[in-house]
């Protein structure tokens, strides 16, 4: 482990010696979409989207939405015939933030590639790589109720029996989407100056995760367990696969050997009631879930939420930081991210504390973004190493890591083609549905609209 860290430190030191030209542009839009993603698109029982494609697509829809809000605010408050006074500027800022917050909260629920849709796609990807087919219940061409359906009780029973880590991952992968999106948005808006930062979206996503834990640790989860079945199908294939993600996660995590079919019977229908109420959990599991609720407040510790996308010390050096809490199949990951801009270089350091029930492990990541290899080509390089618990109760560690490399070829000042590969050992990393070793390849397109 020490040898790996020394090698990474030397690589990082070498990287920081390379100097790039400072990007002084202001961007209205930054869109990037993976078109092909292998082997996920082969492993999934459906063609698309992969987990990464869902993240890209939802981020792009938010980009378009906030671009529209920016344009609308300027049209309403900036006049060619009247001076842009301080009052108009403040009014414009309040309008944009208010509309952005409404878009983040209510727009996210629309049955198009936004928040709830991508949240469900993250669930589907983790199930899909184990060949469990499902459908997105927040999609214009299926239905609009924020579910993942089309999964049988027997499939969930087999998954718990044969690969409980994958089942637990499938439960919490939904909220990992909101966390991953905040990471993507925060880094993108730090490295590239934006005409409108998505601070309202960052706030809402952090609140969404905390609020889901708040619901799961309250009597409301018990009430929903009783009241919801009246409005659900008698056919288990038409019901949400998890019910309430976080109580299901805690229940199966603390009862790993219990049959999935031991749940309460579904009232006036077939199969089990997949919804788990807070009172169904053991006192120990209840205390654990309450602790996770408090830890989820770490997702608010992000200056970009509070209108500080960048802390600039001088023209050549700026940085920011944010903490990130994510529930995982083995417990949780608590991380600190520190993005840095130094003499035109875009760097990222992240440190992780991986916790299961009684032990913890550590991880470190180093990344170098948007390094120019020529007039038309740039690259990203990211290296992560980790020492993760194998499961919630198993204190043995998975020692491993991941390497990510991405190339962008700029066809013209606005469009670029992308090619990326990621190789990982056994272990968990956010926005990757595989817990086993995996090598993946992505190809896509990018579009930038400058101010």
Protein backbone atom coordinates (compact mmCIF):
# COMPACT_ATOMS: atom_id res chain seq x y z
CA UNK A 1 0.00 0.00 0.00
CA UNK A 2 2.84 2.40 0.94
CA UNK A 3 4.60 1.64 -2.36
CA UNK A 4 1.43 2.46 -4.29
CA UNK A 5 0.97 5.76 -2.44
CA UNK A 6 4.63 6.73 -3.01
CA UNK A 7 4.30 6.03 -6.73
CA UNK A 8 1.13 8.10 -6.92
CA UNK A 9 2.74 10.97 -5.02
CA UNK A 10 5.68 11.03 -7.43
CA UNK A 11 3.31 10.93 -10.40
CA UNK A 12 1.29 13.78 -8.92
CA UNK A 13 4.45 15.84 -8.33
CA UNK A 14 5.50 15.32 -11.94
CA UNK A 15 2.06 16.29 -13.22
CA UNK A 16 2.01 19.56 -11.26
CA UNK A 17 5.22 20.67 -12.97
CA UNK A 18 3.46 20.79 -16.34
CA UNK A 19 2.11 24.25 -17.17
CA UNK A 20 -0.93 24.91 -19.34
CA UNK A 21 -2.44 28.12 -20.59
CA UNK A 22 -5.07 29.52 -18.22
CA UNK A 23 -8.64 29.11 -19.46
CA UNK A 24 -10.16 32.59 -19.13
CA UNK A 25 -13.40 31.83 -20.99
CA UNK A 26 -16.86 32.10 -19.45
CA UNK A 27 -19.13 29.22 -20.48
CA UNK A 28 -22.87 29.40 -20.94
CA UNK A 29 -23.15 25.68 -21.69
CA UNK A 30 -20.89 22.67 -21.18
CA UNK A 31 -22.52 19.51 -22.53
CA UNK A 32 -20.83 16.13 -22.70
CA UNK A 33 -22.60 12.85 -23.50
CA UNK A 34 -21.31 9.30 -23.57
CA UNK A 35 -22.82 7.61 -26.65
CA UNK A 36 -21.26 4.16 -26.25
CA UNK A 37 -20.39 2.56 -22.91
CA UNK A 38 -18.97 -0.97 -22.87
CA UNK A 39 -19.28 -3.51 -21.35
CA UNK A 40 -22.27 -2.05 -19.51
CA UNK A 41 -24.37 -1.82 -22.65
CA UNK A 42 -23.64 -5.50 -23.26
CA UNK A 43 -24.07 -6.63 -19.66
CA UNK A 44 -27.36 -4.80 -19.10
CA UNK A 45 -30.55 -6.62 -20.14
CA UNK A 46 -31.50 -3.42 -22.00
CA UNK A 47 -29.50 -1.36 -24.50
CA UNK A 48 -29.21 1.98 -22.68
CA UNK A 49 -28.61 4.01 -20.66
CA UNK A 50 -25.63 2.94 -18.61
CA UNK A 51 -25.04 4.56 -15.23
CA UNK A 52 -22.57 7.04 -16.71
CA UNK A 53 -24.85 7.84 -19.63
CA UNK A 54 -27.71 8.58 -17.22
CA UNK A 55 -25.50 10.95 -15.22
CA UNK A 56 -24.35 12.73 -18.40
CA UNK A 57 -27.84 13.01 -19.83
CA UNK A 58 -29.42 14.40 -16.66
CA UNK A 59 -26.55 16.85 -16.17
CA UNK A 60 -26.99 18.03 -19.76
CA UNK A 61 -30.72 18.63 -19.22
CA UNK A 62 -29.91 20.66 -16.09
CA UNK A 63 -27.32 22.59 -18.11
CA UNK A 64 -29.98 23.47 -20.69
CA UNK A 65 -32.47 24.41 -17.99
CA UNK A 66 -30.11 26.76 -16.16
CA UNK A 67 -28.93 28.21 -19.47
CA UNK A 68 -32.56 29.07 -20.23
CA UNK A 69 -33.01 30.60 -16.75
CA UNK A 70 -29.88 32.69 -17.28
CA UNK A 71 -31.15 33.95 -20.64
CA UNK A 72 -34.63 34.70 -19.29
CA UNK A 73 -33.32 36.64 -16.29
CA UNK A 74 -31.06 38.76 -18.49
CA UNK A 75 -33.90 39.44 -20.91
CA UNK A 76 -36.18 40.61 -18.09
CA UNK A 77 -33.72 42.69 -16.08
CA UNK A 78 -31.11 43.87 -18.61
CA UNK A 79 -32.34 46.56 -20.95
CA UNK A 80 -30.62 48.14 -23.93
CA UNK A 81 -32.28 51.46 -23.12
CA UNK A 82 -31.85 51.49 -19.31
CA UNK A 83 -28.68 51.24 -17.21
CA UNK A 84 -28.03 47.93 -15.44
CA UNK A 85 -28.27 49.38 -11.94
CA UNK A 86 -27.34 47.60 -8.71
CA UNK A 87 -31.04 47.15 -7.95
CA UNK A 88 -31.64 45.46 -11.32
CA UNK A 89 -28.57 43.28 -10.83
CA UNK A 90 -29.75 42.11 -7.39
CA UNK A 91 -33.28 41.54 -8.70
CA UNK A 92 -31.88 39.50 -11.59
CA UNK A 93 -29.82 37.39 -9.17
CA UNK A 94 -32.81 36.74 -6.89
CA UNK A 95 -35.01 35.84 -9.87
CA UNK A 96 -32.46 33.40 -11.30
CA UNK A 97 -31.83 31.72 -7.95
CA UNK A 98 -35.54 31.42 -7.13
CA UNK A 99 -36.40 30.01 -10.55
CA UNK A 100 -33.35 27.72 -10.40
CA UNK A 101 -34.42 26.34 -7.02
CA UNK A 102 -37.95 25.72 -8.29
CA UNK A 103 -36.53 23.99 -11.37
CA UNK A 104 -34.23 21.84 -9.21
CA UNK A 105 -37.06 20.76 -6.90
CA UNK A 106 -40.09 20.48 -9.15
CA UNK A 107 -38.46 20.10 -12.55
CA UNK A 108 -36.43 17.16 -11.22
CA UNK A 109 -39.66 15.19 -10.85
CA UNK A 110 -40.64 15.50 -14.52
CA UNK A 111 -40.65 12.20 -16.48
CA UNK A 112 -37.68 13.28 -18.58
CA UNK A 113 -33.90 12.87 -18.02
CA UNK A 114 -33.60 14.94 -14.86
CA UNK A 115 -33.20 14.09 -11.16
CA UNK A 116 -35.79 11.42 -10.37
CA UNK A 117 -35.34 9.73 -13.75
CA UNK A 118 -31.56 9.42 -13.25
CA UNK A 119 -32.02 8.38 -9.61
CA UNK A 120 -34.06 5.41 -10.87
CA UNK A 121 -31.54 4.67 -13.64
CA UNK A 122 -28.80 4.31 -11.01
CA UNK A 123 -30.95 1.66 -9.30
CA UNK A 124 -31.54 -0.08 -12.62
CA UNK A 125 -27.86 -0.18 -13.55
CA UNK A 126 -26.82 -1.94 -10.34
CA UNK A 127 -29.61 -4.49 -10.82
CA UNK A 128 -28.98 -4.74 -14.56
CA UNK A 129 -25.31 -5.76 -14.41
CA UNK A 130 -26.59 -8.82 -12.50
CA UNK A 131 -29.01 -9.48 -15.38
CA UNK A 132 -32.10 -8.32 -13.48
CA UNK A 133 -34.30 -6.46 -15.92
CA UNK A 134 -36.43 -3.53 -14.77
CA UNK A 135 -38.24 -0.44 -16.01
CA UNK A 136 -37.97 3.23 -15.06
CA UNK A 137 -41.20 4.45 -13.49
CA UNK A 138 -40.39 8.11 -14.10
CA UNK A 139 -40.25 8.15 -17.86
CA UNK A 140 -42.51 9.86 -20.37
CA UNK A 141 -43.02 6.64 -22.34
CA UNK A 142 -43.82 4.36 -19.38
CA UNK A 143 -45.31 5.96 -16.27
CA UNK A 144 -44.74 8.83 -13.88
CA UNK A 145 -44.48 7.64 -10.28
CA UNK A 146 -40.78 7.58 -9.33
CA UNK A 147 -40.33 3.80 -9.18
CA UNK A 148 -38.21 0.99 -10.55
CA UNK A 149 -40.61 -1.79 -11.46
CA UNK A 150 -40.66 -5.07 -13.38
CA UNK A 151 -38.67 -6.98 -10.74
CA UNK A 152 -40.06 -10.13 -9.09
CA UNK A 153 -39.81 -11.07 -5.42
CA UNK A 154 -37.96 -14.22 -6.48
CA UNK A 155 -35.28 -12.20 -8.30
CA UNK A 156 -34.70 -10.09 -5.20
CA UNK A 157 -34.60 -13.20 -3.02
CA UNK A 158 -31.98 -14.80 -5.29
CA UNK A 159 -29.92 -11.63 -5.37
CA UNK A 160 -29.93 -11.38 -1.57
CA UNK A 161 -29.04 -15.04 -1.22
CA UNK A 162 -26.26 -15.06 -3.83
CA UNK A 163 -24.89 -11.50 -3.74
CA UNK A 164 -26.20 -9.42 -0.84
CA UNK A 165 -23.62 -6.68 -1.48
CA UNK A 166 -25.13 -6.06 -4.92
CA UNK A 167 -28.64 -5.93 -3.43
CA UNK A 168 -27.55 -3.42 -0.79
CA UNK A 169 -25.78 -1.39 -3.47
CA UNK A 170 -28.96 -1.37 -5.57
CA UNK A 171 -30.89 0.23 -2.68
CA UNK A 172 -28.48 3.12 -2.03
CA UNK A 173 -27.36 3.71 -5.62
CA UNK A 174 -30.39 5.98 -6.06
CA UNK A 175 -29.24 8.64 -3.58
CA UNK A 176 -25.70 8.15 -4.83
CA UNK A 177 -26.91 9.77 -8.05
CA UNK A 178 -27.71 13.07 -6.30
CA UNK A 179 -24.33 12.93 -4.57
CA UNK A 180 -22.49 12.13 -7.82
CA UNK A 181 -24.28 14.92 -9.68
CA UNK A 182 -23.23 17.45 -7.03
CA UNK A 183 -19.64 16.25 -7.37
CA UNK A 184 -19.78 16.60 -11.16
CA UNK A 185 -21.43 20.05 -11.08
CA UNK A 186 -19.12 21.41 -8.36
CA UNK A 187 -15.97 20.35 -10.20
CA UNK A 188 -17.21 21.47 -13.61
CA UNK A 189 -18.17 24.92 -12.33
CA UNK A 190 -14.88 25.24 -10.43
CA UNK A 191 -12.59 24.45 -13.36
CA UNK A 192 -14.61 26.50 -15.86
CA UNK A 193 -16.10 29.90 -15.13
CA UNK A 194 -19.86 29.84 -15.73
CA UNK A 195 -22.33 32.53 -16.70
CA UNK A 196 -24.71 31.03 -14.10
CA UNK A 197 -23.51 28.65 -11.39
CA UNK A 198 -25.99 25.93 -10.38
CA UNK A 199 -25.93 26.72 -6.66
CA UNK A 200 -29.67 26.06 -6.27
CA UNK A 201 -29.29 22.56 -7.73
CA UNK A 202 -26.40 21.78 -5.36
CA UNK A 203 -28.49 22.89 -2.39
CA UNK A 204 -31.51 20.85 -3.45
CA UNK A 205 -29.52 17.66 -4.05
CA UNK A 206 -27.87 17.87 -0.62
CA UNK A 207 -31.29 18.49 0.93
CA UNK A 208 -32.82 15.58 -1.03
CA UNK A 209 -30.39 13.08 0.48
CA UNK A 210 -30.81 14.43 4.01
CA UNK A 211 -34.59 14.56 3.66
CA UNK A 212 -34.71 10.95 2.46
CA UNK A 213 -32.87 9.92 5.63
CA UNK A 214 -35.18 12.14 7.71
CA UNK A 215 -38.24 10.40 6.23
CA UNK A 216 -36.67 6.97 6.72
CA UNK A 217 -35.98 7.62 10.42
CA UNK A 218 -39.49 8.91 11.19
CA UNK A 219 -42.91 7.40 11.79
CA UNK A 220 -43.85 8.65 8.32
CA UNK A 221 -42.11 5.59 6.85
CA UNK A 222 -44.41 3.38 8.95
CA UNK A 223 -47.48 5.28 7.78
CA UNK A 224 -46.46 4.97 4.13
CA UNK A 225 -45.94 1.23 4.56
CA UNK A 226 -49.58 0.93 5.66
CA UNK A 227 -51.16 3.48 3.32
CA UNK A 228 -49.21 2.95 0.08
CA UNK A 229 -50.35 -0.63 -0.72
CA UNK A 230 -53.90 0.62 -1.34
CA UNK A 231 -52.52 2.55 -4.31
CA UNK A 232 -50.10 -0.13 -5.55
CA UNK A 233 -50.70 -3.00 -7.93
CA UNK A 234 -51.58 -6.44 -6.58
CA UNK A 235 -48.99 -7.76 -9.05
CA UNK A 236 -45.50 -7.50 -7.49
CA UNK A 237 -43.96 -6.95 -10.94
CA UNK A 238 -45.72 -3.58 -11.08
CA UNK A 239 -44.51 -2.42 -7.65
CA UNK A 240 -41.35 -0.50 -6.80
CA UNK A 241 -38.45 -2.90 -6.27
CA UNK A 242 -37.30 -1.28 -2.99
CA UNK A 243 -40.31 0.51 -1.54
CA UNK A 244 -38.34 2.92 0.65
CA UNK A 245 -34.67 2.68 -0.33
CA UNK A 246 -32.96 3.49 2.95
CA UNK A 247 -35.08 1.48 5.37
CA UNK A 248 -34.82 -1.52 3.00
CA UNK A 249 -31.03 -0.98 2.98
CA UNK A 250 -30.80 -0.90 6.78
CA UNK A 251 -33.14 -3.89 7.19
CA UNK A 252 -31.24 -6.21 4.84
CA UNK A 253 -27.85 -4.93 5.98
CA UNK A 254 -28.62 -5.86 9.59
CA UNK A 255 -30.35 -9.12 8.56
CA UNK A 256 -28.02 -10.51 5.87
CA UNK A 257 -28.98 -14.17 6.30
CA UNK A 258 -32.76 -13.69 6.57
CA UNK A 259 -34.73 -14.67 3.47
CA UNK A 260 -35.98 -11.72 1.45
CA UNK A 261 -39.39 -13.45 1.43
CA UNK A 262 -39.62 -13.16 5.24
CA UNK A 263 -41.07 -9.66 4.87
CA UNK A 264 -44.73 -9.01 5.70
CA UNK A 265 -47.26 -10.22 3.14
CA UNK A 266 -48.61 -7.65 0.72
CA UNK A 267 -52.18 -6.81 1.84
CA UNK A 268 -54.86 -8.02 -0.60
CA UNK A 269 -52.29 -8.96 -3.23
CA UNK A 270 -49.44 -11.26 -4.18
CA UNK A 271 -45.95 -11.52 -2.69
CA UNK A 272 -44.37 -9.49 0.09
CA UNK A 273 -44.79 -5.89 1.13
CA UNK A 274 -41.44 -4.52 0.00
CA UNK A 275 -41.85 -1.39 2.09
CA UNK A 276 -39.97 -1.44 5.38
CA UNK A 277 -41.01 0.99 8.10
CA UNK A 278 -38.67 2.49 10.66
CA UNK A 279 -40.37 0.48 13.42
CA UNK A 280 -39.57 -2.75 11.51
CA UNK A 281 -35.88 -2.17 12.17
CA UNK A 282 -34.09 -3.46 15.25
CA UNK A 283 -33.08 -0.80 17.83
CA UNK A 284 -29.48 -1.17 16.64
CA UNK A 285 -30.47 -0.64 13.00
CA UNK A 286 -32.62 2.35 13.98
CA UNK A 287 -29.68 3.96 15.78
CA UNK A 288 -27.44 3.28 12.80
CA UNK A 289 -29.88 4.87 10.35
CA UNK A 290 -30.21 7.94 12.60
CA UNK A 291 -26.43 8.24 12.63
CA UNK A 292 -26.37 8.12 8.82
CA UNK A 293 -28.95 10.91 8.73
CA UNK A 294 -26.62 13.12 10.74
CA UNK A 295 -23.63 12.20 8.57
CA UNK A 296 -25.59 13.14 5.43
CA UNK A 297 -25.38 16.77 6.62
CA UNK A 298 -21.76 16.65 5.42
CA UNK A 299 -23.09 17.04 1.88
CA UNK A 300 -24.00 20.64 2.76
CA UNK A 301 -20.36 21.46 3.55
CA UNK A 302 -19.65 22.81 0.09
CA UNK A 303 -18.85 26.53 -0.47
CA UNK A 304 -20.31 26.28 -3.98
CA UNK A 305 -23.75 25.83 -2.39
CA UNK A 306 -23.24 29.24 -0.78
CA UNK A 307 -22.21 31.09 -3.97
CA UNK A 308 -18.46 30.43 -3.61
CA UNK A 309 -17.48 28.21 -6.56
CA UNK A 310 -13.81 29.19 -6.22
CA UNK A 311 -11.47 30.56 -3.52
CA UNK A 312 -8.83 32.58 -5.36
CA UNK A 313 -5.59 33.37 -3.51
CA UNK A 314 -3.83 34.99 -6.48
CA UNK A 315 -4.18 34.99 -10.31
CA UNK A 316 -2.16 31.75 -10.53
CA UNK A 317 -3.63 29.76 -7.64
CA UNK A 318 -7.18 29.01 -6.51
CA UNK A 319 -8.91 26.12 -4.77
CA UNK A 320 -12.13 24.96 -3.17
CA UNK A 321 -13.18 22.03 -1.02
CA UNK A 322 -16.26 19.99 -0.23
CA UNK A 323 -17.14 17.01 1.91
CA UNK A 324 -19.20 14.12 0.62
CA UNK A 325 -21.17 11.45 2.48
CA UNK A 326 -22.45 8.44 0.55
CA UNK A 327 -24.17 5.30 1.87
CA UNK A 328 -22.67 2.13 0.39
CA UNK A 329 -23.20 -1.63 0.47
CA UNK A 330 -20.66 -1.95 3.30
CA UNK A 331 -21.80 1.12 5.26
CA UNK A 332 -20.63 4.53 4.08
CA UNK A 333 -17.94 6.60 2.44
CA UNK A 334 -16.99 9.94 3.97
CA UNK A 335 -14.77 11.95 1.66
CA UNK A 336 -13.02 15.30 1.32
CA UNK A 337 -12.47 16.73 -2.18
CA UNK A 338 -10.02 19.56 -2.85
CA UNK A 339 -9.99 20.87 -6.45
CA UNK A 340 -7.06 23.16 -7.29
CA UNK A 341 -6.14 25.45 -10.19
CA UNK A 342 -2.43 26.23 -10.32
CA UNK A 343 -0.80 28.02 -13.26
CA UNK A 344 -3.44 26.70 -15.63
CA UNK A 345 -3.34 23.14 -14.27
CA UNK A 346 -6.61 21.58 -13.04
CA UNK A 347 -5.87 19.24 -10.14
CA UNK A 348 -7.99 17.26 -7.69
CA UNK A 349 -7.10 15.52 -4.43
CA UNK A 350 -9.70 13.41 -2.62
CA UNK A 351 -9.39 11.48 0.64
CA UNK A 352 -11.87 8.79 1.74
CA UNK A 353 -12.84 7.09 5.00
CA UNK A 354 -14.76 3.88 4.30
CA UNK A 355 -16.78 2.58 7.26
CA UNK A 356 -18.67 -0.62 7.96
CA UNK A 357 -20.31 -1.60 11.26
CA UNK A 358 -17.16 -1.85 13.38
CA UNK A 359 -14.13 -1.00 11.24
CA UNK A 360 -12.93 1.41 8.59
CA UNK A 361 -10.54 1.73 5.68
CA UNK A 362 -9.05 4.58 3.71
CA UNK A 363 -8.60 5.77 0.17
CA UNK A 364 -6.91 8.55 -1.75
CA UNK A 365 -7.41 9.90 -5.23
CA UNK A 366 -5.34 12.17 -7.46
CA UNK A 367 -6.61 13.62 -10.73
CA UNK A 368 -5.40 15.94 -13.44
CA UNK A 369 -8.05 17.43 -15.75
CA UNK A 370 -8.02 19.16 -19.14
CA UNK A 371 -4.29 18.90 -19.79
CA UNK A 372 -3.51 20.07 -23.32
CA UNK A 373 -1.60 17.51 -25.38
CA UNK A 374 -1.72 19.67 -28.53
CA UNK A 375 -3.74 22.37 -30.23
CA UNK A 376 -6.82 20.13 -30.50
CA UNK A 377 -6.31 17.42 -27.89
CA UNK A 378 -6.58 17.37 -24.10
CA UNK A 379 -6.65 14.63 -21.50
CA UNK A 380 -7.91 13.73 -18.02
CA UNK A 381 -6.06 11.30 -15.75
CA UNK A 382 -7.40 10.06 -12.39
CA UNK A 383 -5.94 7.46 -10.03
CA UNK A 384 -7.66 6.13 -6.90
CA UNK A 385 -6.47 3.55 -4.38
CA UNK A 386 -8.54 2.16 -1.53
CA UNK A 387 -8.70 -0.16 1.43
CA UNK A 388 -12.44 -0.87 1.78
CA UNK A 389 -14.35 -3.23 4.11
CA UNK A 390 -15.60 -6.27 2.22
CA UNK A 391 -19.09 -6.00 3.69
CA UNK A 392 -21.05 -4.51 6.57
CA UNK A 393 -20.10 -7.31 8.97
CA UNK A 394 -16.85 -8.50 7.35
CA UNK A 395 -13.87 -6.44 8.53
CA UNK A 396 -11.50 -7.89 5.94
CA UNK A 397 -10.37 -5.25 3.47
CA UNK A 398 -10.50 -5.01 -0.32
CA UNK A 399 -7.19 -3.43 -1.28
CA UNK A 400 -7.32 -2.03 -4.77
CA UNK A 401 -8.08 0.97 -6.87
CA UNK A 402 -8.99 2.43 -10.24
CA UNK A 403 -7.33 4.29 -13.11
CA UNK A 404 -9.27 6.58 -15.44
CA UNK A 405 -7.98 8.13 -18.68
CA UNK A 406 -9.94 10.38 -21.03
CA UNK A 407 -9.07 12.07 -24.34
CA UNK A 408 -10.93 14.96 -25.98
CA UNK A 409 -10.31 15.86 -29.60
CA UNK A 410 -11.63 19.32 -30.44
CA UNK A 411 -13.18 19.17 -33.88
CA UNK A 412 -13.73 22.94 -33.74
CA UNK A 413 -13.94 25.52 -30.90
CA UNK A 414 -17.41 24.25 -29.93
CA UNK A 415 -17.46 20.48 -30.58
CA UNK A 416 -15.21 17.67 -29.37
CA UNK A 417 -15.11 13.88 -29.58
CA UNK A 418 -14.28 11.96 -26.39
CA UNK A 419 -12.75 8.57 -25.65
CA UNK A 420 -12.38 7.28 -22.08
CA UNK A 421 -11.39 4.11 -20.29
CA UNK A 422 -11.61 3.08 -16.64
CA UNK A 423 -9.98 0.02 -15.08
CA UNK A 424 -10.82 -0.96 -11.51
CA UNK A 425 -10.18 -3.79 -9.11
CA UNK A 426 -12.77 -5.25 -6.72
CA UNK A 427 -14.42 -2.55 -4.64
CA UNK A 428 -16.93 0.26 -4.78
CA UNK A 429 -16.60 3.58 -6.54
CA UNK A 430 -19.39 6.05 -7.10
CA UNK A 431 -21.09 6.03 -10.54
CA UNK A 432 -19.76 2.55 -11.35
CA UNK A 433 -22.27 -0.32 -10.97
CA UNK A 434 -19.62 -3.04 -10.77
CA UNK A 435 -18.29 -4.29 -7.42
CA UNK A 436 -16.08 -6.85 -9.19
CA UNK A 437 -12.99 -5.98 -11.29
CA UNK A 438 -13.97 -4.22 -14.49
CA UNK A 439 -12.50 -2.45 -17.50
CA UNK A 440 -14.85 -0.13 -19.36
CA UNK A 441 -14.66 2.03 -22.48
CA UNK A 442 -16.76 5.09 -23.32
CA UNK A 443 -17.05 7.13 -26.50
CA UNK A 444 -18.99 10.37 -26.75
CA UNK A 445 -19.37 13.98 -27.87
CA UNK A 446 -19.00 17.33 -26.11
CA UNK A 447 -20.29 20.82 -26.88
CA UNK A 448 -19.20 24.15 -25.34
CA UNK A 449 -20.98 27.46 -25.72
CA UNK A 450 -18.82 30.37 -24.61
CA UNK A 451 -20.04 33.76 -23.47
